[in-house]
PDB file of all heavy atoms in Angstrom:
ATOM      1  N   ASN A   1       6.911   7.158 -13.249  1.00  0.00           N
ATOM      2  CA  ASN A   1       5.906   8.149 -12.864  1.00  0.00           C
ATOM      3  C   ASN A   1       4.674   7.499 -12.220  1.00  0.00           C
ATOM      4  O   ASN A   1       3.540   7.883 -12.490  1.00  0.00           O
ATOM      5  CB  ASN A   1       5.488   9.001 -14.061  1.00  0.00           C
ATOM      6  CG  ASN A   1       6.656   9.729 -14.685  1.00  0.00           C
ATOM      7  OD1 ASN A   1       7.494  10.311 -13.981  1.00  0.00           O
ATOM      8  ND2 ASN A   1       6.761   9.678 -16.014  1.00  0.00           N
ATOM      9  N   SER A   2       4.923   6.494 -11.383  1.00  0.00           N
ATOM     10  CA  SER A   2       3.829   5.796 -10.700  1.00  0.00           C
ATOM     11  C   SER A   2       4.143   5.660  -9.214  1.00  0.00           C
ATOM     12  O   SER A   2       5.292   5.821  -8.795  1.00  0.00           O
ATOM     13  CB  SER A   2       3.615   4.400 -11.298  1.00  0.00           C
ATOM     14  OG  SER A   2       3.267   4.472 -12.660  1.00  0.00           O
ATOM     15  N   PHE A   3       3.097   5.390  -8.427  1.00  0.00           N
ATOM     16  CA  PHE A   3       3.295   5.037  -7.031  1.00  0.00           C
ATOM     17  C   PHE A   3       2.517   3.754  -6.752  1.00  0.00           C
ATOM     18  O   PHE A   3       1.469   3.496  -7.341  1.00  0.00           O
ATOM     19  CB  PHE A   3       2.863   6.166  -6.090  1.00  0.00           C
ATOM     20  CG  PHE A   3       1.399   6.523  -6.141  1.00  0.00           C
ATOM     21  CD1 PHE A   3       0.504   5.988  -5.204  1.00  0.00           C
ATOM     22  CD2 PHE A   3       0.895   7.403  -7.102  1.00  0.00           C
ATOM     23  CE1 PHE A   3      -0.852   6.319  -5.228  1.00  0.00           C
ATOM     24  CE2 PHE A   3      -0.446   7.742  -7.137  1.00  0.00           C
ATOM     25  CZ  PHE A   3      -1.323   7.197  -6.212  1.00  0.00           C
ATOM     26  N   ALA A   4       3.070   2.929  -5.873  1.00  0.00           N
ATOM     27  CA  ALA A   4       2.530   1.589  -5.654  1.00  0.00           C
ATOM     28  C   ALA A   4       1.292   1.613  -4.757  1.00  0.00           C
ATOM     29  O   ALA A   4       1.268   2.299  -3.731  1.00  0.00           O
ATOM     30  CB  ALA A   4       3.596   0.707  -5.038  1.00  0.00           C
ATOM     31  N   ILE A   5       0.291   0.893  -5.188  1.00  0.00           N
ATOM     32  CA  ILE A   5      -0.894   0.688  -4.365  1.00  0.00           C
ATOM     33  C   ILE A   5      -0.602  -0.462  -3.400  1.00  0.00           C
ATOM     34  O   ILE A   5      -0.167  -1.543  -3.819  1.00  0.00           O
ATOM     35  CB  ILE A   5      -2.120   0.335  -5.236  1.00  0.00           C
ATOM     36  CG1 ILE A   5      -2.390   1.439  -6.266  1.00  0.00           C
ATOM     37  CG2 ILE A   5      -3.349   0.084  -4.373  1.00  0.00           C
ATOM     38  CD1 ILE A   5      -3.422   1.048  -7.304  1.00  0.00           C
ATOM     39  N   ASP A   6      -0.804  -0.241  -2.110  1.00  0.00           N
ATOM     40  CA  ASP A   6      -0.585  -1.328  -1.153  1.00  0.00           C
ATOM     41  C   ASP A   6      -1.630  -2.426  -1.388  1.00  0.00           C
ATOM     42  O   ASP A   6      -2.835  -2.152  -1.330  1.00  0.00           O
ATOM     43  CB  ASP A   6      -0.691  -0.805   0.273  1.00  0.00           C
ATOM     44  CG  ASP A   6      -0.555  -1.928   1.282  1.00  0.00           C
ATOM     45  OD1 ASP A   6       0.435  -2.686   1.182  1.00  0.00           O
ATOM     46  OD2 ASP A   6      -1.450  -2.059   2.129  1.00  0.00           O
ATOM     47  N   PRO A   7      -1.191  -3.660  -1.677  1.00  0.00           N
ATOM     48  CA  PRO A   7      -2.154  -4.715  -1.992  1.00  0.00           C
ATOM     49  C   PRO A   7      -2.773  -5.345  -0.759  1.00  0.00           C
ATOM     50  O   PRO A   7      -3.759  -6.091  -0.846  1.00  0.00           O
ATOM     51  CB  PRO A   7      -1.312  -5.728  -2.754  1.00  0.00           C
ATOM     52  CG  PRO A   7       0.048  -5.568  -2.161  1.00  0.00           C
ATOM     53  CD  PRO A   7       0.198  -4.114  -1.820  1.00  0.00           C
ATOM     54  N   GLY A   8      -2.201  -5.075   0.435  1.00  0.00           N
ATOM     55  CA  GLY A   8      -2.668  -5.802   1.609  1.00  0.00           C
ATOM     56  C   GLY A   8      -2.211  -7.257   1.524  1.00  0.00           C
ATOM     57  O   GLY A   8      -1.321  -7.614   0.747  1.00  0.00           O
ATOM     58  N   ASP A   9      -2.846  -8.112   2.305  1.00  0.00           N
ATOM     59  CA  ASP A   9      -2.532  -9.549   2.254  1.00  0.00           C
ATOM     60  C   ASP A   9      -3.822 -10.330   2.417  1.00  0.00           C
ATOM     61  O   ASP A   9      -4.230 -10.696   3.542  1.00  0.00           O
ATOM     62  CB  ASP A   9      -1.542  -9.926   3.355  1.00  0.00           C
ATOM     63  CG  ASP A   9      -1.029 -11.350   3.202  1.00  0.00           C
ATOM     64  OD1 ASP A   9      -1.523 -12.062   2.308  1.00  0.00           O
ATOM     65  OD2 ASP A   9      -0.128 -11.716   3.966  1.00  0.00           O
ATOM     66  N   PRO A  10      -4.512 -10.588   1.287  1.00  0.00           N
ATOM     67  CA  PRO A  10      -5.804 -11.262   1.366  1.00  0.00           C
ATOM     68  C   PRO A  10      -5.688 -12.720   1.812  1.00  0.00           C
ATOM     69  O   PRO A  10      -6.681 -13.341   2.198  1.00  0.00           O
ATOM     70  CB  PRO A  10      -6.343 -11.152  -0.057  1.00  0.00           C
ATOM     71  CG  PRO A  10      -5.133 -10.980  -0.904  1.00  0.00           C
ATOM     72  CD  PRO A  10      -4.152 -10.218  -0.076  1.00  0.00           C
ATOM     73  N   LEU A  11      -4.477 -13.273   1.762  1.00  0.00           N
ATOM     74  CA  LEU A  11      -4.317 -14.682   2.128  1.00  0.00           C
ATOM     75  C   LEU A  11      -4.018 -14.861   3.606  1.00  0.00           C
ATOM     76  O   LEU A  11      -3.995 -15.993   4.119  1.00  0.00           O
ATOM     77  CB  LEU A  11      -3.206 -15.313   1.288  1.00  0.00           C
ATOM     78  CG  LEU A  11      -3.414 -15.287  -0.237  1.00  0.00           C
ATOM     79  CD1 LEU A  11      -2.231 -15.919  -0.936  1.00  0.00           C
ATOM     80  CD2 LEU A  11      -4.709 -15.993  -0.593  1.00  0.00           C
ATOM     81  N   ALA A  12      -3.735 -13.759   4.265  1.00  0.00           N
ATOM     82  CA  ALA A  12      -3.438 -13.855   5.687  1.00  0.00           C
ATOM     83  C   ALA A  12      -4.694 -14.218   6.471  1.00  0.00           C
ATOM     84  O   ALA A  12      -5.825 -14.046   6.006  1.00  0.00           O
ATOM     85  CB  ALA A  12      -2.864 -12.539   6.193  1.00  0.00           C
ATOM     86  N   VAL A  13      -4.513 -14.743   7.668  1.00  0.00           N
ATOM     87  CA  VAL A  13      -5.649 -15.079   8.537  1.00  0.00           C
ATOM     88  C   VAL A  13      -5.507 -14.269   9.830  1.00  0.00           C
ATOM     89  O   VAL A  13      -4.544 -14.477  10.611  1.00  0.00           O
ATOM     90  CB  VAL A  13      -5.679 -16.588   8.863  1.00  0.00           C
ATOM     91  CG1 VAL A  13      -6.856 -16.893   9.787  1.00  0.00           C
ATOM     92  CG2 VAL A  13      -5.745 -17.409   7.602  1.00  0.00           C
ATOM     93  N   PRO A  14      -6.377 -13.377  10.070  1.00  0.00           N
ATOM     94  CA  PRO A  14      -7.418 -12.927   9.131  1.00  0.00           C
ATOM     95  C   PRO A  14      -6.794 -12.113   8.006  1.00  0.00           C
ATOM     96  O   PRO A  14      -5.661 -11.646   8.134  1.00  0.00           O
ATOM     97  CB  PRO A  14      -8.316 -12.075  10.019  1.00  0.00           C
ATOM     98  CG  PRO A  14      -7.376 -11.493  11.037  1.00  0.00           C
ATOM     99  CD  PRO A  14      -6.379 -12.572  11.315  1.00  0.00           C
ATOM    100  N   PRO A  15      -7.479 -11.877   6.865  1.00  0.00           N
ATOM    101  CA  PRO A  15      -6.935 -11.121   5.731  1.00  0.00           C
ATOM    102  C   PRO A  15      -6.550  -9.698   6.161  1.00  0.00           C
ATOM    103  O   PRO A  15      -7.226  -9.066   6.970  1.00  0.00           O
ATOM    104  CB  PRO A  15      -8.085 -11.108   4.726  1.00  0.00           C
ATOM    105  CG  PRO A  15      -8.917 -12.271   5.108  1.00  0.00           C
ATOM    106  CD  PRO A  15      -8.827 -12.386   6.599  1.00  0.00           C
ATOM    107  N   VAL A  16      -5.428  -9.194   5.568  1.00  0.00           N
ATOM    108  CA  VAL A  16      -4.972  -7.826   5.836  1.00  0.00           C
ATOM    109  C   VAL A  16      -5.415  -6.926   4.694  1.00  0.00           C
ATOM    110  O   VAL A  16      -5.019  -7.150   3.535  1.00  0.00           O
ATOM    111  CB  VAL A  16      -3.441  -7.774   5.979  1.00  0.00           C
ATOM    112  CG1 VAL A  16      -2.982  -6.329   6.221  1.00  0.00           C
ATOM    113  CG2 VAL A  16      -2.987  -8.674   7.108  1.00  0.00           C
ATOM    114  N   PRO A  17      -6.267  -5.924   4.959  1.00  0.00           N
ATOM    115  CA  PRO A  17      -6.757  -5.076   3.871  1.00  0.00           C
ATOM    116  C   PRO A  17      -5.654  -4.143   3.371  1.00  0.00           C
ATOM    117  O   PRO A  17      -4.653  -3.889   4.052  1.00  0.00           O
ATOM    118  CB  PRO A  17      -7.881  -4.297   4.537  1.00  0.00           C
ATOM    119  CG  PRO A  17      -7.505  -4.239   5.975  1.00  0.00           C
ATOM    120  CD  PRO A  17      -6.817  -5.546   6.271  1.00  0.00           C
ATOM    121  N   ALA A  18      -5.844  -3.636   2.152  1.00  0.00           N
ATOM    122  CA  ALA A  18      -4.911  -2.644   1.607  1.00  0.00           C
ATOM    123  C   ALA A  18      -4.883  -1.423   2.512  1.00  0.00           C
ATOM    124  O   ALA A  18      -5.917  -0.991   3.034  1.00  0.00           O
ATOM    125  CB  ALA A  18      -5.333  -2.251   0.194  1.00  0.00           C
ATOM    126  N   SER A  19      -3.701  -0.867   2.694  1.00  0.00           N
ATOM    127  CA  SER A  19      -3.526   0.210   3.665  1.00  0.00           C
ATOM    128  C   SER A  19      -3.394   1.580   2.986  1.00  0.00           C
ATOM    129  O   SER A  19      -2.475   1.800   2.185  1.00  0.00           O
ATOM    130  CB  SER A  19      -2.279  -0.038   4.507  1.00  0.00           C
ATOM    131  OG  SER A  19      -1.954   1.087   5.276  1.00  0.00           O
ATOM    132  N   PRO A  20      -4.291   2.545   3.289  1.00  0.00           N
ATOM    133  CA  PRO A  20      -4.128   3.908   2.768  1.00  0.00           C
ATOM    134  C   PRO A  20      -2.825   4.551   3.245  1.00  0.00           C
ATOM    135  O   PRO A  20      -2.196   5.308   2.493  1.00  0.00           O
ATOM    136  CB  PRO A  20      -5.341   4.640   3.332  1.00  0.00           C
ATOM    137  CG  PRO A  20      -6.334   3.577   3.615  1.00  0.00           C
ATOM    138  CD  PRO A  20      -5.518   2.390   4.058  1.00  0.00           C
ATOM    139  N   SER A  21      -2.393   4.234   4.477  1.00  0.00           N
ATOM    140  CA  SER A  21      -1.182   4.871   5.000  1.00  0.00           C
ATOM    141  C   SER A  21       0.067   4.382   4.275  1.00  0.00           C
ATOM    142  O   SER A  21       0.989   5.154   3.987  1.00  0.00           O
ATOM    143  CB  SER A  21      -1.060   4.627   6.505  1.00  0.00           C
ATOM    144  OG  SER A  21      -0.949   3.246   6.773  1.00  0.00           O
ATOM    145  N   ILE A  22       0.115   3.057   3.964  1.00  0.00           N
ATOM    146  CA  ILE A  22       1.259   2.529   3.209  1.00  0.00           C
ATOM    147  C   ILE A  22       1.255   3.085   1.795  1.00  0.00           C
ATOM    148  O   ILE A  22       2.312   3.451   1.239  1.00  0.00           O
ATOM    149  CB  ILE A  22       1.227   0.994   3.200  1.00  0.00           C
ATOM    150  CG1 ILE A  22       1.424   0.450   4.619  1.00  0.00           C
ATOM    151  CG2 ILE A  22       2.294   0.439   2.253  1.00  0.00           C
ATOM    152  CD1 ILE A  22       1.327  -1.053   4.721  1.00  0.00           C
ATOM    153  N   THR A  23       0.067   3.168   1.194  1.00  0.00           N
ATOM    154  CA  THR A  23      -0.038   3.753  -0.146  1.00  0.00           C
ATOM    155  C   THR A  23       0.410   5.210  -0.126  1.00  0.00           C
ATOM    156  O   THR A  23       1.101   5.691  -1.044  1.00  0.00           O
ATOM    157  CB  THR A  23      -1.478   3.645  -0.668  1.00  0.00           C
ATOM    158  OG1 THR A  23      -1.878   2.275  -0.666  1.00  0.00           O
ATOM    159  CG2 THR A  23      -1.595   4.213  -2.074  1.00  0.00           C
ATOM    160  N   ALA A  24       0.039   5.957   0.943  1.00  0.00           N
ATOM    161  CA  ALA A  24       0.463   7.351   1.077  1.00  0.00           C
ATOM    162  C   ALA A  24       1.977   7.448   1.207  1.00  0.00           C
ATOM    163  O   ALA A  24       2.624   8.333   0.634  1.00  0.00           O
ATOM    164  CB  ALA A  24      -0.222   8.000   2.277  1.00  0.00           C
ATOM    165  N   ALA A  25       2.565   6.512   1.940  1.00  0.00           N
ATOM    166  CA  ALA A  25       4.021   6.497   2.057  1.00  0.00           C
ATOM    167  C   ALA A  25       4.677   6.223   0.713  1.00  0.00           C
ATOM    168  O   ALA A  25       5.727   6.804   0.377  1.00  0.00           O
ATOM    169  CB  ALA A  25       4.445   5.453   3.091  1.00  0.00           C
ATOM    170  N   ASN A  26       4.077   5.323  -0.074  1.00  0.00           N
ATOM    171  CA  ASN A  26       4.588   5.059  -1.418  1.00  0.00           C
ATOM    172  C   ASN A  26       4.483   6.305  -2.300  1.00  0.00           C
ATOM    173  O   ASN A  26       5.383   6.591  -3.111  1.00  0.00           O
ATOM    174  CB  ASN A  26       3.834   3.896  -2.052  1.00  0.00           C
ATOM    175  CG  ASN A  26       4.077   2.566  -1.341  1.00  0.00           C
ATOM    176  OD1 ASN A  26       5.088   2.411  -0.653  1.00  0.00           O
ATOM    177  ND2 ASN A  26       3.163   1.616  -1.496  1.00  0.00           N
ATOM    178  N   LEU A  27       3.362   7.027  -2.160  1.00  0.00           N
ATOM    179  CA  LEU A  27       3.181   8.276  -2.908  1.00  0.00           C
ATOM    180  C   LEU A  27       4.258   9.282  -2.501  1.00  0.00           C
ATOM    181  O   LEU A  27       4.826   9.981  -3.360  1.00  0.00           O
ATOM    182  CB  LEU A  27       1.789   8.840  -2.664  1.00  0.00           C
ATOM    183  CG  LEU A  27       1.492  10.220  -3.268  1.00  0.00           C
ATOM    184  CD1 LEU A  27       1.668  10.200  -4.788  1.00  0.00           C
ATOM    185  CD2 LEU A  27       0.086  10.680  -2.891  1.00  0.00           C
ATOM    186  N   GLN A  28       4.551   9.366  -1.227  1.00  0.00           N
ATOM    187  CA  GLN A  28       5.589  10.287  -0.746  1.00  0.00           C
ATOM    188  C   GLN A  28       6.944   9.954  -1.356  1.00  0.00           C
ATOM    189  O   GLN A  28       7.688  10.841  -1.787  1.00  0.00           O
ATOM    190  CB  GLN A  28       5.662  10.228   0.781  1.00  0.00           C
ATOM    191  CG  GLN A  28       6.703  11.162   1.374  1.00  0.00           C
ATOM    192  CD  GLN A  28       6.748  11.072   2.898  1.00  0.00           C
ATOM    193  OE1 GLN A  28       5.774  10.664   3.534  1.00  0.00           O
ATOM    194  NE2 GLN A  28       7.869  11.454   3.483  1.00  0.00           N
ATOM    195  N   THR A  29       7.256   8.658  -1.409  1.00  0.00           N
ATOM    196  CA  THR A  29       8.527   8.235  -1.997  1.00  0.00           C
ATOM    197  C   THR A  29       8.594   8.571  -3.481  1.00  0.00           C
ATOM    198  O   THR A  29       9.613   9.073  -3.986  1.00  0.00           O
ATOM    199  CB  THR A  29       8.722   6.728  -1.793  1.00  0.00           C
ATOM    200  OG1 THR A  29       8.735   6.437  -0.389  1.00  0.00           O
ATOM    201  CG2 THR A  29      10.021   6.247  -2.423  1.00  0.00           C
ATOM    202  N   ALA A  30       7.494   8.276  -4.182  1.00  0.00           N
ATOM    203  CA  ALA A  30       7.458   8.558  -5.625  1.00  0.00           C
ATOM    204  C   ALA A  30       7.551  10.047  -5.897  1.00  0.00           C
ATOM    205  O   ALA A  30       8.230  10.490  -6.843  1.00  0.00           O
ATOM    206  CB  ALA A  30       6.178   7.981  -6.227  1.00  0.00           C
ATOM    207  N   LEU A  31       6.880  10.855  -5.074  1.00  0.00           N
ATOM    208  CA  LEU A  31       6.914  12.308  -5.258  1.00  0.00           C
ATOM    209  C   LEU A  31       8.323  12.850  -4.996  1.00  0.00           C
ATOM    210  O   LEU A  31       8.805  13.715  -5.734  1.00  0.00           O
ATOM    211  CB  LEU A  31       5.901  12.978  -4.330  1.00  0.00           C
ATOM    212  CG  LEU A  31       5.834  14.507  -4.390  1.00  0.00           C
ATOM    213  CD1 LEU A  31       5.505  14.987  -5.803  1.00  0.00           C
ATOM    214  CD2 LEU A  31       4.802  15.052  -3.389  1.00  0.00           C
ATOM    215  N   THR A  32       8.973  12.332  -3.973  1.00  0.00           N
ATOM    216  CA  THR A  32      10.349  12.766  -3.676  1.00  0.00           C
ATOM    217  C   THR A  32      11.269  12.493  -4.859  1.00  0.00           C
ATOM    218  O   THR A  32      12.062  13.353  -5.277  1.00  0.00           O
ATOM    219  CB  THR A  32      10.869  12.050  -2.423  1.00  0.00           C
ATOM    220  OG1 THR A  32      10.032  12.367  -1.309  1.00  0.00           O
ATOM    221  CG2 THR A  32      12.308  12.457  -2.123  1.00  0.00           C
TER     222      THR A  32
END
């Protein structure tokens, strides 16, 4: 009963921030 928070990639150069759209896609999968 959870959906994954997109962690982004803080180690990337430049760092990749957490993505609301990826998190929304995870929510869609969990809801389905």
